[in-house]
Amino acid sequence: MRVWIPQALLSYTGQRRQVEADGATLAELLMDLDRRHPGIRFRMIDEQDGLRPHVRLFVNHEDVRRLDVPLGAGDEVHIFQALSGG
């Protein structure tokens, strides 16, 4: 599947905005993404396996908040991160 990476996470993907990952669910896709790009999952998923508050995931342009969402071979996943700080 095609995964679109936000600017804040490009250091994990060698500055590539678009990468490939596999999984039957969003959770599996994020695990595969982390296998291919170590450390990236921790920036999106907390210690309780929940989505961090500043992260939004879109599957085929639909906002999803659960990691058990099923995925198909032609799906696209977009990752967005809100900027924060002071």
PDB file of N, CA and C in Angstrom:
ATOM      1  N   MET A   1       0.821  -1.180   0.000  1.00  0.00           N
ATOM      2  CA  MET A   1       0.000   0.000   0.000  1.00  0.00           C
ATOM      3  C   MET A   1       0.868   1.248   0.000  1.00  0.00           C
ATOM      4  N   ARG A   2       0.338   2.284  -0.552  1.00  0.00           N
ATOM      5  CA  ARG A   2       1.039   3.555  -0.578  1.00  0.00           C
ATOM      6  C   ARG A   2       0.732   4.319   0.713  1.00  0.00           C
ATOM      7  N   VAL A   3       1.800   4.820   1.352  1.00  0.00           N
ATOM      8  CA  VAL A   3       1.664   5.584   2.586  1.00  0.00           C
ATOM      9  C   VAL A   3       2.324   6.938   2.373  1.00  0.00           C
ATOM     10  N   TRP A   4       1.575   7.997   2.655  1.00  0.00           N
ATOM     11  CA  TRP A   4       2.074   9.360   2.514  1.00  0.00           C
ATOM     12  C   TRP A   4       2.574   9.833   3.875  1.00  0.00           C
ATOM     13  N   ILE A   5       3.791  10.352   3.904  1.00  0.00           N
ATOM     14  CA  ILE A   5       4.485  10.704   5.142  1.00  0.00           C
ATOM     15  C   ILE A   5       4.516  12.228   5.314  1.00  0.00           C
ATOM     16  N   PRO A   6       4.207  12.725   6.521  1.00  0.00           N
ATOM     17  CA  PRO A   6       4.268  14.178   6.742  1.00  0.00           C
ATOM     18  C   PRO A   6       5.713  14.658   6.905  1.00  0.00           C
ATOM     19  N   GLN A   7       5.900  15.925   6.740  1.00  0.00           N
ATOM     20  CA  GLN A   7       7.221  16.553   6.838  1.00  0.00           C
ATOM     21  C   GLN A   7       7.950  16.170   8.125  1.00  0.00           C
ATOM     22  N   ALA A   8       7.245  16.158   9.241  1.00  0.00           N
ATOM     23  CA  ALA A   8       7.871  15.895  10.538  1.00  0.00           C
ATOM     24  C   ALA A   8       8.456  14.489  10.654  1.00  0.00           C
ATOM     25  N   LEU A   9       8.045  13.561   9.800  1.00  0.00           N
ATOM     26  CA  LEU A   9       8.523  12.175   9.882  1.00  0.00           C
ATOM     27  C   LEU A   9       9.443  11.783   8.733  1.00  0.00           C
ATOM     28  N   LEU A  10       9.796  12.716   7.879  1.00  0.00           N
ATOM     29  CA  LEU A  10      10.619  12.391   6.717  1.00  0.00           C
ATOM     30  C   LEU A  10      12.014  11.884   7.086  1.00  0.00           C
ATOM     31  N   SER A  11      12.510  12.258   8.237  1.00  0.00           N
ATOM     32  CA  SER A  11      13.839  11.774   8.640  1.00  0.00           C
ATOM     33  C   SER A  11      13.852  10.257   8.816  1.00  0.00           C
ATOM     34  N   TYR A  12      12.706   9.654   9.087  1.00  0.00           N
ATOM     35  CA  TYR A  12      12.618   8.210   9.247  1.00  0.00           C
ATOM     36  C   TYR A  12      12.594   7.479   7.909  1.00  0.00           C
ATOM     37  N   THR A  13      12.181   8.159   6.860  1.00  0.00           N
ATOM     38  CA  THR A  13      12.008   7.511   5.549  1.00  0.00           C
ATOM     39  C   THR A  13      13.066   7.945   4.538  1.00  0.00           C
ATOM     40  N   GLY A  14      14.139   8.538   5.011  1.00  0.00           N
ATOM     41  CA  GLY A  14      15.163   9.017   4.083  1.00  0.00           C
ATOM     42  C   GLY A  14      14.662  10.146   3.213  1.00  0.00           C
ATOM     43  N   GLN A  15      13.798  10.991   3.782  1.00  0.00           N
ATOM     44  CA  GLN A  15      13.209  12.164   3.125  1.00  0.00           C
ATOM     45  C   GLN A  15      12.212  11.803   2.019  1.00  0.00           C
ATOM     46  N   ARG A  16      11.745  10.577   2.000  1.00  0.00           N
ATOM     47  CA  ARG A  16      10.735  10.182   1.007  1.00  0.00           C
ATOM     48  C   ARG A  16       9.343  10.470   1.548  1.00  0.00           C
ATOM     49  N   ARG A  17       8.536  11.180   0.778  1.00  0.00           N
ATOM     50  CA  ARG A  17       7.173  11.552   1.175  1.00  0.00           C
ATOM     51  C   ARG A  17       6.191  10.407   0.972  1.00  0.00           C
ATOM     52  N   GLN A  18       6.551   9.470   0.132  1.00  0.00           N
ATOM     53  CA  GLN A  18       5.672   8.350  -0.178  1.00  0.00           C
ATOM     54  C   GLN A  18       6.473   7.063  -0.052  1.00  0.00           C
ATOM     55  N   VAL A  19       5.950   6.112   0.731  1.00  0.00           N
ATOM     56  CA  VAL A  19       6.615   4.826   0.918  1.00  0.00           C
ATOM     57  C   VAL A  19       5.578   3.711   0.792  1.00  0.00           C
ATOM     58  N   GLU A  20       6.042   2.492   0.785  1.00  0.00           N
ATOM     59  CA  GLU A  20       5.172   1.325   0.720  1.00  0.00           C
ATOM     60  C   GLU A  20       5.187   0.596   2.060  1.00  0.00           C
ATOM     61  N   ALA A  21       4.061   0.004   2.412  1.00  0.00           N
ATOM     62  CA  ALA A  21       3.949  -0.841   3.605  1.00  0.00           C
ATOM     63  C   ALA A  21       2.775  -1.786   3.383  1.00  0.00           C
ATOM     64  N   ASP A  22       2.760  -2.887   4.122  1.00  0.00           N
ATOM     65  CA  ASP A  22       1.716  -3.898   3.976  1.00  0.00           C
ATOM     66  C   ASP A  22       1.031  -4.162   5.308  1.00  0.00           C
ATOM     67  N   GLY A  23      -0.212  -4.639   5.236  1.00  0.00           N
ATOM     68  CA  GLY A  23      -0.947  -5.041   6.424  1.00  0.00           C
ATOM     69  C   GLY A  23      -2.423  -5.197   6.118  1.00  0.00           C
ATOM     70  N   ALA A  24      -3.050  -6.138   6.804  1.00  0.00           N
ATOM     71  CA  ALA A  24      -4.489  -6.360   6.626  1.00  0.00           C
ATOM     72  C   ALA A  24      -5.313  -5.327   7.390  1.00  0.00           C
ATOM     73  N   THR A  25      -4.693  -4.703   8.399  1.00  0.00           N
ATOM     74  CA  THR A  25      -5.341  -3.643   9.175  1.00  0.00           C
ATOM     75  C   THR A  25      -4.371  -2.465   9.283  1.00  0.00           C
ATOM     76  N   LEU A  26      -4.882  -1.347   9.743  1.00  0.00           N
ATOM     77  CA  LEU A  26      -4.037  -0.176   9.941  1.00  0.00           C
ATOM     78  C   LEU A  26      -2.937  -0.473  10.965  1.00  0.00           C
ATOM     79  N   ALA A  27      -3.259  -1.206  12.018  1.00  0.00           N
ATOM     80  CA  ALA A  27      -2.261  -1.565  13.031  1.00  0.00           C
ATOM     81  C   ALA A  27      -1.129  -2.378  12.407  1.00  0.00           C
ATOM     82  N   GLU A  28      -1.474  -3.346  11.574  1.00  0.00           N
ATOM     83  CA  GLU A  28      -0.462  -4.169  10.914  1.00  0.00           C
ATOM     84  C   GLU A  28       0.375  -3.336   9.945  1.00  0.00           C
ATOM     85  N   LEU A  29      -0.268  -2.427   9.248  1.00  0.00           N
ATOM     86  CA  LEU A  29       0.461  -1.559   8.328  1.00  0.00           C
ATOM     87  C   LEU A  29       1.480  -0.713   9.087  1.00  0.00           C
ATOM     88  N   LEU A  30       1.098  -0.175  10.242  1.00  0.00           N
ATOM     89  CA  LEU A  30       2.027   0.651  11.016  1.00  0.00           C
ATOM     90  C   LEU A  30       3.184  -0.176  11.567  1.00  0.00           C
ATOM     91  N   MET A  31       2.929  -1.435  11.898  1.00  0.00           N
ATOM     92  CA  MET A  31       4.013  -2.319  12.343  1.00  0.00           C
ATOM     93  C   MET A  31       4.988  -2.580  11.192  1.00  0.00           C
ATOM     94  N   ASP A  32       4.454  -2.819   9.993  1.00  0.00           N
ATOM     95  CA  ASP A  32       5.311  -3.037   8.828  1.00  0.00           C
ATOM     96  C   ASP A  32       6.068  -1.766   8.473  1.00  0.00           C
ATOM     97  N   LEU A  33       5.406  -0.632   8.576  1.00  0.00           N
ATOM     98  CA  LEU A  33       6.069   0.643   8.318  1.00  0.00           C
ATOM     99  C   LEU A  33       7.243   0.828   9.278  1.00  0.00           C
ATOM    100  N   ASP A  34       7.054   0.450  10.545  1.00  0.00           N
ATOM    101  CA  ASP A  34       8.122   0.562  11.533  1.00  0.00           C
ATOM    102  C   ASP A  34       9.244  -0.434  11.255  1.00  0.00           C
ATOM    103  N   ARG A  35       8.904  -1.595  10.739  1.00  0.00           N
ATOM    104  CA  ARG A  35       9.931  -2.577  10.382  1.00  0.00           C
ATOM    105  C   ARG A  35      10.809  -2.018   9.256  1.00  0.00           C
ATOM    106  N   ARG A  36      10.187  -1.349   8.314  1.00  0.00           N
ATOM    107  CA  ARG A  36      10.918  -0.784   7.185  1.00  0.00           C
ATOM    108  C   ARG A  36      11.624   0.526   7.530  1.00  0.00           C
ATOM    109  N   HIS A  37      11.058   1.263   8.484  1.00  0.00           N
ATOM    110  CA  HIS A  37      11.567   2.591   8.872  1.00  0.00           C
ATOM    111  C   HIS A  37      11.559   2.673  10.398  1.00  0.00           C
ATOM    112  N   PRO A  38      12.542   2.037  11.043  1.00  0.00           N
ATOM    113  CA  PRO A  38      12.552   1.917  12.510  1.00  0.00           C
ATOM    114  C   PRO A  38      12.359   3.240  13.246  1.00  0.00           C
ATOM    115  N   GLY A  39      11.462   3.196  14.243  1.00  0.00           N
ATOM    116  CA  GLY A  39      11.197   4.341  15.099  1.00  0.00           C
ATOM    117  C   GLY A  39      10.008   5.179  14.696  1.00  0.00           C
ATOM    118  N   ILE A  40       9.523   5.024  13.476  1.00  0.00           N
ATOM    119  CA  ILE A  40       8.448   5.888  12.986  1.00  0.00           C
ATOM    120  C   ILE A  40       7.138   5.636  13.725  1.00  0.00           C
ATOM    121  N   ARG A  41       6.862   4.386  14.075  1.00  0.00           N
ATOM    122  CA  ARG A  41       5.584   4.051  14.728  1.00  0.00           C
ATOM    123  C   ARG A  41       5.448   4.755  16.079  1.00  0.00           C
ATOM    124  N   PHE A  42       6.526   4.814  16.843  1.00  0.00           N
ATOM    125  CA  PHE A  42       6.483   5.443  18.165  1.00  0.00           C
ATOM    126  C   PHE A  42       6.093   6.915  18.080  1.00  0.00           C
ATOM    127  N   ARG A  43       6.358   7.563  16.968  1.00  0.00           N
ATOM    128  CA  ARG A  43       5.989   8.965  16.795  1.00  0.00           C
ATOM    129  C   ARG A  43       4.486   9.140  16.591  1.00  0.00           C
ATOM    130  N   MET A  44       3.784   8.019  16.270  1.00  0.00           N
ATOM    131  CA  MET A  44       2.348   8.082  16.000  1.00  0.00           C
ATOM    132  C   MET A  44       1.512   7.348  17.039  1.00  0.00           C
ATOM    133  N   ILE A  45       2.074   6.300  17.632  1.00  0.00           N
ATOM    134  CA  ILE A  45       1.341   5.415  18.537  1.00  0.00           C
ATOM    135  C   ILE A  45       1.960   5.505  19.930  1.00  0.00           C
ATOM    136  N   ASP A  46       1.116   5.641  20.962  1.00  0.00           N
ATOM    137  CA  ASP A  46       1.624   5.760  22.329  1.00  0.00           C
ATOM    138  C   ASP A  46       1.887   4.385  22.956  1.00  0.00           C
ATOM    139  N   GLU A  47       2.286   4.392  24.214  1.00  0.00           N
ATOM    140  CA  GLU A  47       2.649   3.170  24.929  1.00  0.00           C
ATOM    141  C   GLU A  47       1.463   2.237  25.180  1.00  0.00           C
ATOM    142  N   GLN A  48       0.247   2.744  25.067  1.00  0.00           N
ATOM    143  CA  GLN A  48      -0.956   1.928  25.241  1.00  0.00           C
ATOM    144  C   GLN A  48      -1.539   1.497  23.889  1.00  0.00           C
ATOM    145  N   ASP A  49      -0.748   1.603  22.837  1.00  0.00           N
ATOM    146  CA  ASP A  49      -1.154   1.258  21.471  1.00  0.00           C
ATOM    147  C   ASP A  49      -2.327   2.098  20.973  1.00  0.00           C
ATOM    148  N   GLY A  50      -2.383   3.344  21.415  1.00  0.00           N
ATOM    149  CA  GLY A  50      -3.392   4.276  20.928  1.00  0.00           C
ATOM    150  C   GLY A  50      -2.753   5.345  20.061  1.00  0.00           C
ATOM    151  N   LEU A  51      -3.544   5.930  19.217  1.00  0.00           N
ATOM    152  CA  LEU A  51      -3.077   6.999  18.348  1.00  0.00           C
ATOM    153  C   LEU A  51      -2.763   8.237  19.187  1.00  0.00           C
ATOM    154  N   ARG A  52      -1.606   8.820  18.987  1.00  0.00           N
ATOM    155  CA  ARG A  52      -1.255  10.043  19.721  1.00  0.00           C
ATOM    156  C   ARG A  52      -2.215  11.169  19.316  1.00  0.00           C
ATOM    157  N   PRO A  53      -2.523  12.077  20.253  1.00  0.00           N
ATOM    158  CA  PRO A  53      -3.537  13.106  19.998  1.00  0.00           C
ATOM    159  C   PRO A  53      -3.237  14.021  18.812  1.00  0.00           C
ATOM    160  N   HIS A  54      -1.976  14.241  18.504  1.00  0.00           N
ATOM    161  CA  HIS A  54      -1.617  15.161  17.424  1.00  0.00           C
ATOM    162  C   HIS A  54      -1.516  14.487  16.052  1.00  0.00           C
ATOM    163  N   VAL A  55      -1.860  13.200  15.977  1.00  0.00           N
ATOM    164  CA  VAL A  55      -1.753  12.442  14.730  1.00  0.00           C
ATOM    165  C   VAL A  55      -3.138  12.152  14.164  1.00  0.00           C
ATOM    166  N   ARG A  56      -3.269  12.300  12.860  1.00  0.00           N
ATOM    167  CA  ARG A  56      -4.493  11.932  12.148  1.00  0.00           C
ATOM    168  C   ARG A  56      -4.101  10.989  11.019  1.00  0.00           C
ATOM    169  N   LEU A  57      -4.865   9.915  10.890  1.00  0.00           N
ATOM    170  CA  LEU A  57      -4.645   8.956   9.814  1.00  0.00           C
ATOM    171  C   LEU A  57      -5.865   8.953   8.906  1.00  0.00           C
ATOM    172  N   PHE A  58      -5.626   8.959   7.627  1.00  0.00           N
ATOM    173  CA  PHE A  58      -6.690   8.921   6.631  1.00  0.00           C
ATOM    174  C   PHE A  58      -6.471   7.717   5.728  1.00  0.00           C
ATOM    175  N   VAL A  59      -7.506   6.925   5.560  1.00  0.00           N
ATOM    176  CA  VAL A  59      -7.474   5.796   4.636  1.00  0.00           C
ATOM    177  C   VAL A  59      -8.405   6.153   3.491  1.00  0.00           C
ATOM    178  N   ASN A  60      -7.822   6.257   2.297  1.00  0.00           N
ATOM    179  CA  ASN A  60      -8.603   6.663   1.123  1.00  0.00           C
ATOM    180  C   ASN A  60      -9.382   7.946   1.385  1.00  0.00           C
ATOM    181  N   HIS A  61      -8.716   8.913   2.004  1.00  0.00           N
ATOM    182  CA  HIS A  61      -9.256  10.251   2.284  1.00  0.00           C
ATOM    183  C   HIS A  61     -10.328  10.262   3.376  1.00  0.00           C
ATOM    184  N   GLU A  62     -10.479   9.175   4.110  1.00  0.00           N
ATOM    185  CA  GLU A  62     -11.441   9.125   5.211  1.00  0.00           C
ATOM    186  C   GLU A  62     -10.685   9.091   6.540  1.00  0.00           C
ATOM    187  N   ASP A  63     -11.003  10.042   7.412  1.00  0.00           N
ATOM    188  CA  ASP A  63     -10.377  10.132   8.733  1.00  0.00           C
ATOM    189  C   ASP A  63     -10.729   8.894   9.553  1.00  0.00           C
ATOM    190  N   VAL A  64      -9.712   8.207  10.063  1.00  0.00           N
ATOM    191  CA  VAL A  64      -9.952   7.025  10.896  1.00  0.00           C
ATOM    192  C   VAL A  64      -9.271   7.226  12.242  1.00  0.00           C
ATOM    193  N   ARG A  65      -9.908   6.744  13.299  1.00  0.00           N
ATOM    194  CA  ARG A  65      -9.365   6.896  14.652  1.00  0.00           C
ATOM    195  C   ARG A  65      -9.088   5.548  15.307  1.00  0.00           C
ATOM    196  N   ARG A  66      -9.391   4.465  14.601  1.00  0.00           N
ATOM    197  CA  ARG A  66      -9.156   3.127  15.148  1.00  0.00           C
ATOM    198  C   ARG A  66      -8.070   2.435  14.333  1.00  0.00           C
ATOM    199  N   LEU A  67      -7.288   1.621  14.998  1.00  0.00           N
ATOM    200  CA  LEU A  67      -6.209   0.914  14.317  1.00  0.00           C
ATOM    201  C   LEU A  67      -6.639  -0.434  13.763  1.00  0.00           C
ATOM    202  N   ASP A  68      -7.860  -0.864  14.082  1.00  0.00           N
ATOM    203  CA  ASP A  68      -8.333  -2.155  13.579  1.00  0.00           C
ATOM    204  C   ASP A  68      -9.076  -2.031  12.250  1.00  0.00           C
ATOM    205  N   VAL A  69      -8.977  -0.884  11.607  1.00  0.00           N
ATOM    206  CA  VAL A  69      -9.625  -0.652  10.320  1.00  0.00           C
ATOM    207  C   VAL A  69      -9.009  -1.593   9.278  1.00  0.00           C
ATOM    208  N   PRO A  70      -9.827  -2.371   8.568  1.00  0.00           N
ATOM    209  CA  PRO A  70      -9.286  -3.266   7.539  1.00  0.00           C
ATOM    210  C   PRO A  70      -8.792  -2.489   6.322  1.00  0.00           C
ATOM    211  N   LEU A  71      -7.734  -2.997   5.700  1.00  0.00           N
ATOM    212  CA  LEU A  71      -7.148  -2.367   4.533  1.00  0.00           C
ATOM    213  C   LEU A  71      -7.156  -3.327   3.355  1.00  0.00           C
ATOM    214  N   GLY A  72      -7.212  -2.764   2.166  1.00  0.00           N
ATOM    215  CA  GLY A  72      -7.123  -3.541   0.940  1.00  0.00           C
ATOM    216  C   GLY A  72      -5.860  -3.170   0.182  1.00  0.00           C
ATOM    217  N   ALA A  73      -5.495  -3.990  -0.777  1.00  0.00           N
ATOM    218  CA  ALA A  73      -4.234  -3.823  -1.505  1.00  0.00           C
ATOM    219  C   ALA A  73      -4.111  -2.460  -2.191  1.00  0.00           C
ATOM    220  N   GLY A  74      -5.191  -1.893  -2.679  1.00  0.00           N
ATOM    221  CA  GLY A  74      -5.126  -0.621  -3.397  1.00  0.00           C
ATOM    222  C   GLY A  74      -5.344   0.608  -2.538  1.00  0.00           C
ATOM    223  N   ASP A  75      -5.470   0.443  -1.229  1.00  0.00           N
ATOM    224  CA  ASP A  75      -5.736   1.576  -0.346  1.00  0.00           C
ATOM    225  C   ASP A  75      -4.529   2.498  -0.235  1.00  0.00           C
ATOM    226  N   GLU A  76      -4.801   3.747   0.080  1.00  0.00           N
ATOM    227  CA  GLU A  76      -3.758   4.726   0.372  1.00  0.00           C
ATOM    228  C   GLU A  76      -3.963   5.240   1.784  1.00  0.00           C
ATOM    229  N   VAL A  77      -2.868   5.402   2.496  1.00  0.00           N
ATOM    230  CA  VAL A  77      -2.901   5.910   3.872  1.00  0.00           C
ATOM    231  C   VAL A  77      -2.118   7.217   3.904  1.00  0.00           C
ATOM    232  N   HIS A  78      -2.748   8.248   4.439  1.00  0.00           N
ATOM    233  CA  HIS A  78      -2.099   9.544   4.612  1.00  0.00           C
ATOM    234  C   HIS A  78      -1.936   9.787   6.112  1.00  0.00           C
ATOM    235  N   ILE A  79      -0.739  10.165   6.502  1.00  0.00           N
ATOM    236  CA  ILE A  79      -0.441  10.478   7.896  1.00  0.00           C
ATOM    237  C   ILE A  79      -0.292  11.991   8.005  1.00  0.00           C
ATOM    238  N   PHE A  80      -0.984  12.577   8.978  1.00  0.00           N
ATOM    239  CA  PHE A  80      -0.875  14.007   9.244  1.00  0.00           C
ATOM    240  C   PHE A  80      -0.506  14.194  10.707  1.00  0.00           C
ATOM    241  N   GLN A  81       0.340  15.176  10.973  1.00  0.00           N
ATOM    242  CA  GLN A  81       0.705  15.518  12.346  1.00  0.00           C
ATOM    243  C   GLN A  81       0.521  17.012  12.535  1.00  0.00           C
ATOM    244  N   ALA A  82      -0.180  17.349  13.608  1.00  0.00           N
ATOM    245  CA  ALA A  82      -0.326  18.768  13.963  1.00  0.00           C
ATOM    246  C   ALA A  82       0.989  19.260  14.545  1.00  0.00           C
ATOM    247  N   LEU A  83       1.321  20.481  14.250  1.00  0.00           N
ATOM    248  CA  LEU A  83       2.509  21.089  14.843  1.00  0.00           C
ATOM    249  C   LEU A  83       2.124  21.649  16.198  1.00  0.00           C
ATOM    250  N   SER A  84       3.028  21.501  17.148  1.00  0.00           N
ATOM    251  CA  SER A  84       2.755  22.042  18.474  1.00  0.00           C
ATOM    252  C   SER A  84       4.028  22.638  19.028  1.00  0.00           C
ATOM    253  N   GLY A  85       3.886  23.329  20.104  1.00  0.00           N
ATOM    254  CA  GLY A  85       5.038  23.949  20.729  1.00  0.00           C
ATOM    255  C   GLY A  85       4.702  25.360  21.123  1.00  0.00           C
ATOM    256  N   GLY A  86       5.667  26.041  21.622  1.00  0.00           N
ATOM    257  CA  GLY A  86       5.377  27.394  22.056  1.00  0.00           C
ATOM    258  C   GLY A  86       6.477  28.346  21.777  1.00  0.00           C
TER     259      GLY A  86
END
